[in-house]
Amino acid sequence: MIAPSVAMAFGILGYKSFDKGFKTLFYFVCFAAFTEILMFIILSANHKNTMPAAHLYVLVEFIFLTLFYSNYVKKYVAPKYIPIAISIFILFTVLNAVFIQKVSEYPSVLRVVESIIIVIFSILYFHKVMVESKITKLSREPMIWVNTDMLVYFSGNFFFHILLPIGVSHLVNFATFTVYYFWITNVMFYLILAIGFYKQKRLVEQ
């Protein structure tokens, strides 16, 4: 809950310097922060099953991140295809909840599909950077931080959710491992987004 709030705070400070893509990313971080607060309230009220909300969260996360990347990979993905991709994912989310995984179950299949798509976007952006060769110092570029964060986070999510059924069946302490995995990766994910927001603000101010 703290990490998304930290990223949101940095986003608020740098909002005036954000382009359309970073503003979309900031809205996603706000959504994530408020979702974490809402989940905390729900769990505090002894409602233990938050899985239906997880299905919705993955869907909204995908929409935000797809719109975010649409600003940076136009060379590879024409803007007219973005609504189509989002519509297909919405349909898949519904089909997954009805026929594959119930809303009472964690949407690991949905996570796998989302992760593949976000990783593809990330790779396309890195390819664009290498082909254009316009960035002189990568460590100063906000989007490099953000894109690297996306690549590492969603690659990890992909492999984790692919192995999830095996872990559930064979690891006694898998539930504990899952808690720590999500906590560590989420903290790192949002803290690096905060760095990206900070660097975007500094870049514009220079």
C-alpha atoms as a PDB file:
ATOM      1  CA  MET A   1       0.000   0.000   0.000  1.00  0.00           C
ATOM      2  CA  ILE A   2       2.891   2.371   0.770  1.00  0.00           C
ATOM      3  CA  ALA A   3       4.857   1.883  -2.473  1.00  0.00           C
ATOM      4  CA  PRO A   4       2.015   2.910  -4.865  1.00  0.00           C
ATOM      5  CA  SER A   5       1.342   5.921  -2.622  1.00  0.00           C
ATOM      6  CA  VAL A   6       5.004   6.942  -2.839  1.00  0.00           C
ATOM      7  CA  ALA A   7       4.912   6.670  -6.629  1.00  0.00           C
ATOM      8  CA  MET A   8       1.659   8.663  -6.684  1.00  0.00           C
ATOM      9  CA  ALA A   9       3.248  11.395  -4.548  1.00  0.00           C
ATOM     10  CA  PHE A  10       6.177  11.711  -6.975  1.00  0.00           C
ATOM     11  CA  GLY A  11       3.687  11.740  -9.830  1.00  0.00           C
ATOM     12  CA  ILE A  12       1.752  14.611  -8.270  1.00  0.00           C
ATOM     13  CA  LEU A  13       4.961  16.613  -7.850  1.00  0.00           C
ATOM     14  CA  GLY A  14       5.987  16.092 -11.458  1.00  0.00           C
ATOM     15  CA  TYR A  15       2.584  16.052 -13.153  1.00  0.00           C
ATOM     16  CA  LYS A  16       3.010  19.413 -14.899  1.00  0.00           C
ATOM     17  CA  SER A  17       6.096  18.090 -16.688  1.00  0.00           C
ATOM     18  CA  PHE A  18       4.462  14.875 -17.925  1.00  0.00           C
ATOM     19  CA  ASP A  19       3.619  14.147 -21.530  1.00  0.00           C
ATOM     20  CA  LYS A  20       0.460  12.242 -22.476  1.00  0.00           C
ATOM     21  CA  GLY A  21       2.088   8.856 -21.881  1.00  0.00           C
ATOM     22  CA  PHE A  22       3.403   9.678 -18.414  1.00  0.00           C
ATOM     23  CA  LYS A  23       0.056  11.205 -17.438  1.00  0.00           C
ATOM     24  CA  THR A  24      -1.607   7.909 -18.360  1.00  0.00           C
ATOM     25  CA  LEU A  25       0.990   6.063 -16.267  1.00  0.00           C
ATOM     26  CA  PHE A  26       0.313   8.429 -13.374  1.00  0.00           C
ATOM     27  CA  TYR A  27      -3.437   7.695 -13.582  1.00  0.00           C
ATOM     28  CA  PHE A  28      -2.607   3.989 -13.413  1.00  0.00           C
ATOM     29  CA  VAL A  29      -0.507   4.535 -10.287  1.00  0.00           C
ATOM     30  CA  CYS A  30      -3.389   6.475  -8.696  1.00  0.00           C
ATOM     31  CA  PHE A  31      -5.731   3.616  -9.534  1.00  0.00           C
ATOM     32  CA  ALA A  32      -3.285   1.106  -8.010  1.00  0.00           C
ATOM     33  CA  ALA A  33      -2.856   3.167  -4.833  1.00  0.00           C
ATOM     34  CA  PHE A  34      -6.606   3.542  -4.274  1.00  0.00           C
ATOM     35  CA  THR A  35      -7.127  -0.151  -5.052  1.00  0.00           C
ATOM     36  CA  GLU A  36      -4.576  -1.133  -2.404  1.00  0.00           C
ATOM     37  CA  ILE A  37      -6.367   1.057   0.145  1.00  0.00           C
ATOM     38  CA  LEU A  38      -9.726  -0.447  -0.828  1.00  0.00           C
ATOM     39  CA  MET A  39      -8.363  -4.006  -0.528  1.00  0.00           C
ATOM     40  CA  PHE A  40      -6.992  -3.173   2.922  1.00  0.00           C
ATOM     41  CA  ILE A  41     -10.427  -1.926   4.015  1.00  0.00           C
ATOM     42  CA  ILE A  42     -12.156  -5.027   2.591  1.00  0.00           C
ATOM     43  CA  LEU A  43      -9.719  -7.394   4.330  1.00  0.00           C
ATOM     44  CA  SER A  44     -10.063  -5.441   7.575  1.00  0.00           C
ATOM     45  CA  ALA A  45     -13.812  -6.042   7.364  1.00  0.00           C
ATOM     46  CA  ASN A  46     -13.117  -9.821   7.288  1.00  0.00           C
ATOM     47  CA  HIS A  47     -14.020 -10.245   3.630  1.00  0.00           C
ATOM     48  CA  LYS A  48     -11.234 -12.670   2.793  1.00  0.00           C
ATOM     49  CA  ASN A  49     -12.001 -13.372  -0.880  1.00  0.00           C
ATOM     50  CA  THR A  50     -10.840 -10.427  -2.994  1.00  0.00           C
ATOM     51  CA  MET A  51     -10.373 -12.494  -6.140  1.00  0.00           C
ATOM     52  CA  PRO A  52     -13.308 -10.947  -8.048  1.00  0.00           C
ATOM     53  CA  ALA A  53     -11.594  -7.582  -7.593  1.00  0.00           C
ATOM     54  CA  ALA A  54      -8.327  -9.115  -8.861  1.00  0.00           C
ATOM     55  CA  HIS A  55      -9.957  -9.999 -12.187  1.00  0.00           C
ATOM     56  CA  LEU A  56     -11.146  -6.411 -12.579  1.00  0.00           C
ATOM     57  CA  TYR A  57      -7.791  -5.026 -11.444  1.00  0.00           C
ATOM     58  CA  VAL A  58      -5.834  -6.955 -14.094  1.00  0.00           C
ATOM     59  CA  LEU A  59      -8.244  -5.740 -16.778  1.00  0.00           C
ATOM     60  CA  VAL A  60      -7.973  -2.070 -15.771  1.00  0.00           C
ATOM     61  CA  GLU A  61      -4.193  -2.386 -15.378  1.00  0.00           C
ATOM     62  CA  PHE A  62      -3.938  -3.785 -18.912  1.00  0.00           C
ATOM     63  CA  ILE A  63      -6.029  -0.927 -20.321  1.00  0.00           C
ATOM     64  CA  PHE A  64      -3.917   1.746 -18.628  1.00  0.00           C
ATOM     65  CA  LEU A  65      -0.589   0.197 -19.636  1.00  0.00           C
ATOM     66  CA  THR A  66      -1.701  -0.441 -23.221  1.00  0.00           C
ATOM     67  CA  LEU A  67      -2.770   3.200 -23.535  1.00  0.00           C
ATOM     68  CA  PHE A  68       0.542   4.213 -21.952  1.00  0.00           C
ATOM     69  CA  TYR A  69       2.632   2.252 -24.451  1.00  0.00           C
ATOM     70  CA  SER A  70       0.493   3.384 -27.381  1.00  0.00           C
ATOM     71  CA  ASN A  71       2.258   6.749 -27.072  1.00  0.00           C
ATOM     72  CA  TYR A  72       5.720   5.237 -27.534  1.00  0.00           C
ATOM     73  CA  VAL A  73       5.378   2.328 -29.990  1.00  0.00           C
ATOM     74  CA  LYS A  74       3.327   3.993 -32.735  1.00  0.00           C
ATOM     75  CA  LYS A  75       5.997   2.958 -35.228  1.00  0.00           C
ATOM     76  CA  TYR A  76       5.160  -0.712 -34.557  1.00  0.00           C
ATOM     77  CA  VAL A  77       1.527  -0.636 -33.431  1.00  0.00           C
ATOM     78  CA  ALA A  78      -0.798   1.763 -35.238  1.00  0.00           C
ATOM     79  CA  PRO A  79      -3.097   3.716 -32.859  1.00  0.00           C
ATOM     80  CA  LYS A  80      -6.177   2.297 -34.602  1.00  0.00           C
ATOM     81  CA  TYR A  81      -5.292  -1.194 -33.320  1.00  0.00           C
ATOM     82  CA  ILE A  82      -5.148  -0.177 -29.646  1.00  0.00           C
ATOM     83  CA  PRO A  83      -8.959  -0.122 -29.098  1.00  0.00           C
ATOM     84  CA  ILE A  84      -9.148  -3.491 -30.859  1.00  0.00           C
ATOM     85  CA  ALA A  85      -6.506  -4.993 -28.555  1.00  0.00           C
ATOM     86  CA  ILE A  86      -8.277  -3.605 -25.485  1.00  0.00           C
ATOM     87  CA  SER A  87     -11.655  -4.919 -26.676  1.00  0.00           C
ATOM     88  CA  ILE A  88     -10.215  -8.392 -27.264  1.00  0.00           C
ATOM     89  CA  PHE A  89      -8.666  -8.412 -23.790  1.00  0.00           C
ATOM     90  CA  ILE A  90     -11.970  -7.331 -22.223  1.00  0.00           C
ATOM     91  CA  LEU A  91     -13.708 -10.210 -24.014  1.00  0.00           C
ATOM     92  CA  PHE A  92     -10.994 -12.627 -22.897  1.00  0.00           C
ATOM     93  CA  THR A  93     -11.358 -11.408 -19.303  1.00  0.00           C
ATOM     94  CA  VAL A  94     -15.064 -12.229 -19.371  1.00  0.00           C
ATOM     95  CA  LEU A  95     -14.506 -15.625 -21.016  1.00  0.00           C
ATOM     96  CA  ASN A  96     -11.749 -16.450 -18.533  1.00  0.00           C
ATOM     97  CA  ALA A  97     -14.010 -15.632 -15.576  1.00  0.00           C
ATOM     98  CA  VAL A  98     -16.879 -17.699 -16.991  1.00  0.00           C
ATOM     99  CA  PHE A  99     -15.211 -20.734 -18.574  1.00  0.00           C
ATOM    100  CA  ILE A 100     -11.561 -20.986 -17.419  1.00  0.00           C
ATOM    101  CA  GLN A 101     -11.111 -19.505 -13.959  1.00  0.00           C
ATOM    102  CA  LYS A 102     -13.985 -18.582 -11.694  1.00  0.00           C
ATOM    103  CA  VAL A 103     -14.095 -15.083 -10.251  1.00  0.00           C
ATOM    104  CA  SER A 104     -13.418 -16.666  -6.854  1.00  0.00           C
ATOM    105  CA  GLU A 105     -10.012 -17.886  -8.143  1.00  0.00           C
ATOM    106  CA  TYR A 106      -6.861 -15.871  -8.728  1.00  0.00           C
ATOM    107  CA  PRO A 107      -6.723 -14.851 -12.444  1.00  0.00           C
ATOM    108  CA  SER A 108      -3.319 -16.394 -13.191  1.00  0.00           C
ATOM    109  CA  VAL A 109      -4.243 -17.131 -16.832  1.00  0.00           C
ATOM    110  CA  LEU A 110      -5.244 -13.500 -17.292  1.00  0.00           C
ATOM    111  CA  ARG A 111      -1.955 -12.420 -15.718  1.00  0.00           C
ATOM    112  CA  VAL A 112       0.053 -14.605 -18.084  1.00  0.00           C
ATOM    113  CA  VAL A 113      -1.623 -13.159 -21.174  1.00  0.00           C
ATOM    114  CA  GLU A 114      -1.294  -9.605 -19.880  1.00  0.00           C
ATOM    115  CA  SER A 115       2.376 -10.125 -19.041  1.00  0.00           C
ATOM    116  CA  ILE A 116       3.171 -11.443 -22.522  1.00  0.00           C
ATOM    117  CA  ILE A 117       1.601  -8.388 -24.158  1.00  0.00           C
ATOM    118  CA  ILE A 118       3.294  -5.863 -21.864  1.00  0.00           C
ATOM    119  CA  VAL A 119       6.671  -7.572 -22.352  1.00  0.00           C
ATOM    120  CA  ILE A 120       6.168  -7.347 -26.131  1.00  0.00           C
ATOM    121  CA  PHE A 121       5.439  -3.616 -25.803  1.00  0.00           C
ATOM    122  CA  SER A 122       8.565  -3.211 -23.691  1.00  0.00           C
ATOM    123  CA  ILE A 123      10.759  -5.034 -26.210  1.00  0.00           C
ATOM    124  CA  LEU A 124       9.314  -2.960 -29.055  1.00  0.00           C
ATOM    125  CA  TYR A 125      10.187   0.225 -27.201  1.00  0.00           C
ATOM    126  CA  PHE A 126      13.769  -0.920 -26.581  1.00  0.00           C
ATOM    127  CA  HIS A 127      14.066  -1.814 -30.267  1.00  0.00           C
ATOM    128  CA  LYS A 128      12.866   1.693 -31.149  1.00  0.00           C
ATOM    129  CA  VAL A 129      15.482   3.215 -28.833  1.00  0.00           C
ATOM    130  CA  MET A 130      18.299   1.157 -30.380  1.00  0.00           C
ATOM    131  CA  VAL A 131      17.244   1.867 -33.961  1.00  0.00           C
ATOM    132  CA  GLU A 132      16.830   5.612 -33.462  1.00  0.00           C
ATOM    133  CA  SER A 133      19.932   5.997 -31.225  1.00  0.00           C
ATOM    134  CA  LYS A 134      18.783   9.410 -30.008  1.00  0.00           C
ATOM    135  CA  ILE A 135      19.402   8.900 -26.276  1.00  0.00           C
ATOM    136  CA  THR A 136      22.950   9.849 -25.294  1.00  0.00           C
ATOM    137  CA  LYS A 137      22.801   8.730 -21.660  1.00  0.00           C
ATOM    138  CA  LEU A 138      20.314   5.973 -20.848  1.00  0.00           C
ATOM    139  CA  SER A 139      20.404   6.469 -17.062  1.00  0.00           C
ATOM    140  CA  ARG A 140      19.027   9.999 -17.435  1.00  0.00           C
ATOM    141  CA  GLU A 141      16.085   8.982 -19.616  1.00  0.00           C
ATOM    142  CA  PRO A 142      12.864   8.523 -17.545  1.00  0.00           C
ATOM    143  CA  MET A 143      11.265   6.168 -20.057  1.00  0.00           C
ATOM    144  CA  ILE A 144      14.268   3.831 -19.930  1.00  0.00           C
ATOM    145  CA  TRP A 145      13.744   3.426 -16.179  1.00  0.00           C
ATOM    146  CA  VAL A 146      10.019   2.880 -16.584  1.00  0.00           C
ATOM    147  CA  ASN A 147      10.350   0.485 -19.515  1.00  0.00           C
ATOM    148  CA  THR A 148      13.051  -1.573 -17.805  1.00  0.00           C
ATOM    149  CA  ASP A 149      10.805  -1.738 -14.751  1.00  0.00           C
ATOM    150  CA  MET A 150       7.916  -3.000 -16.887  1.00  0.00           C
ATOM    151  CA  LEU A 151      10.088  -5.604 -18.621  1.00  0.00           C
ATOM    152  CA  VAL A 152      11.519  -7.032 -15.399  1.00  0.00           C
ATOM    153  CA  TYR A 153       8.235  -6.941 -13.461  1.00  0.00           C
ATOM    154  CA  PHE A 154       6.034  -8.518 -16.111  1.00  0.00           C
ATOM    155  CA  SER A 155       8.663 -11.061 -17.164  1.00  0.00           C
ATOM    156  CA  GLY A 156       8.782 -12.162 -13.539  1.00  0.00           C
ATOM    157  CA  ASN A 157       4.989 -12.257 -13.411  1.00  0.00           C
ATOM    158  CA  PHE A 158       4.869 -14.388 -16.540  1.00  0.00           C
ATOM    159  CA  PHE A 159       7.188 -17.090 -15.178  1.00  0.00           C
ATOM    160  CA  PHE A 160       5.634 -16.961 -11.710  1.00  0.00           C
ATOM    161  CA  HIS A 161       2.096 -17.527 -12.975  1.00  0.00           C
ATOM    162  CA  ILE A 162       3.214 -20.220 -15.423  1.00  0.00           C
ATOM    163  CA  LEU A 163       4.714 -22.091 -12.459  1.00  0.00           C
ATOM    164  CA  LEU A 164       1.828 -21.262 -10.089  1.00  0.00           C
ATOM    165  CA  PRO A 165      -0.073 -24.566 -10.570  1.00  0.00           C
ATOM    166  CA  ILE A 166       3.125 -26.564  -9.935  1.00  0.00           C
ATOM    167  CA  GLY A 167       3.901 -24.538  -6.822  1.00  0.00           C
ATOM    168  CA  VAL A 168       0.435 -24.989  -5.395  1.00  0.00           C
ATOM    169  CA  SER A 169       0.698 -28.760  -5.849  1.00  0.00           C
ATOM    170  CA  HIS A 170       4.243 -29.348  -4.610  1.00  0.00           C
ATOM    171  CA  LEU A 171       5.410 -26.612  -2.264  1.00  0.00           C
ATOM    172  CA  VAL A 172       4.112 -26.724   1.286  1.00  0.00           C
ATOM    173  CA  ASN A 173       5.139 -23.138   1.986  1.00  0.00           C
ATOM    174  CA  PHE A 174       4.063 -21.818  -1.399  1.00  0.00           C
ATOM    175  CA  ALA A 175       1.449 -19.474   0.091  1.00  0.00           C
ATOM    176  CA  THR A 176       4.119 -17.810   2.223  1.00  0.00           C
ATOM    177  CA  PHE A 177       6.451 -17.602  -0.780  1.00  0.00           C
ATOM    178  CA  THR A 178       3.663 -15.975  -2.827  1.00  0.00           C
ATOM    179  CA  VAL A 179       3.071 -13.296  -0.196  1.00  0.00           C
ATOM    180  CA  TYR A 180       6.749 -12.372  -0.069  1.00  0.00           C
ATOM    181  CA  TYR A 181       7.110 -12.520  -3.858  1.00  0.00           C
ATOM    182  CA  PHE A 182       4.230 -10.132  -4.478  1.00  0.00           C
ATOM    183  CA  TRP A 183       5.310  -7.807  -1.695  1.00  0.00           C
ATOM    184  CA  ILE A 184       8.920  -7.501  -2.897  1.00  0.00           C
ATOM    185  CA  THR A 185       8.131  -7.207  -6.598  1.00  0.00           C
ATOM    186  CA  ASN A 186       5.348  -4.675  -6.017  1.00  0.00           C
ATOM    187  CA  VAL A 187       7.535  -2.487  -3.819  1.00  0.00           C
ATOM    188  CA  MET A 188      10.336  -2.495  -6.395  1.00  0.00           C
ATOM    189  CA  PHE A 189       7.911  -1.916  -9.273  1.00  0.00           C
ATOM    190  CA  TYR A 190       6.330   1.203  -7.796  1.00  0.00           C
ATOM    191  CA  LEU A 191       9.548   2.628  -6.372  1.00  0.00           C
ATOM    192  CA  ILE A 192      11.168   2.482  -9.806  1.00  0.00           C
ATOM    193  CA  LEU A 193       8.085   4.145 -11.287  1.00  0.00           C
ATOM    194  CA  ALA A 194       8.599   6.881  -8.686  1.00  0.00           C
ATOM    195  CA  ILE A 195      12.183   7.273  -9.921  1.00  0.00           C
ATOM    196  CA  GLY A 196      10.865   7.540 -13.474  1.00  0.00           C
ATOM    197  CA  PHE A 197       8.441  10.306 -12.436  1.00  0.00           C
ATOM    198  CA  TYR A 198      11.233  12.128 -10.622  1.00  0.00           C
ATOM    199  CA  LYS A 199      13.601  11.905 -13.588  1.00  0.00           C
ATOM    200  CA  GLN A 200      10.888  13.135 -15.963  1.00  0.00           C
ATOM    201  CA  LYS A 201      10.402  16.199 -13.746  1.00  0.00           C
ATOM    202  CA  ARG A 202      14.160  16.848 -13.615  1.00  0.00           C
ATOM    203  CA  LEU A 203      14.514  16.353 -17.379  1.00  0.00           C
ATOM    204  CA  VAL A 204      11.934  19.037 -18.150  1.00  0.00           C
ATOM    205  CA  GLU A 205      13.332  21.436 -15.560  1.00  0.00           C
ATOM    206  CA  GLN A 206      16.887  21.273 -16.960  1.00  0.00           C
END
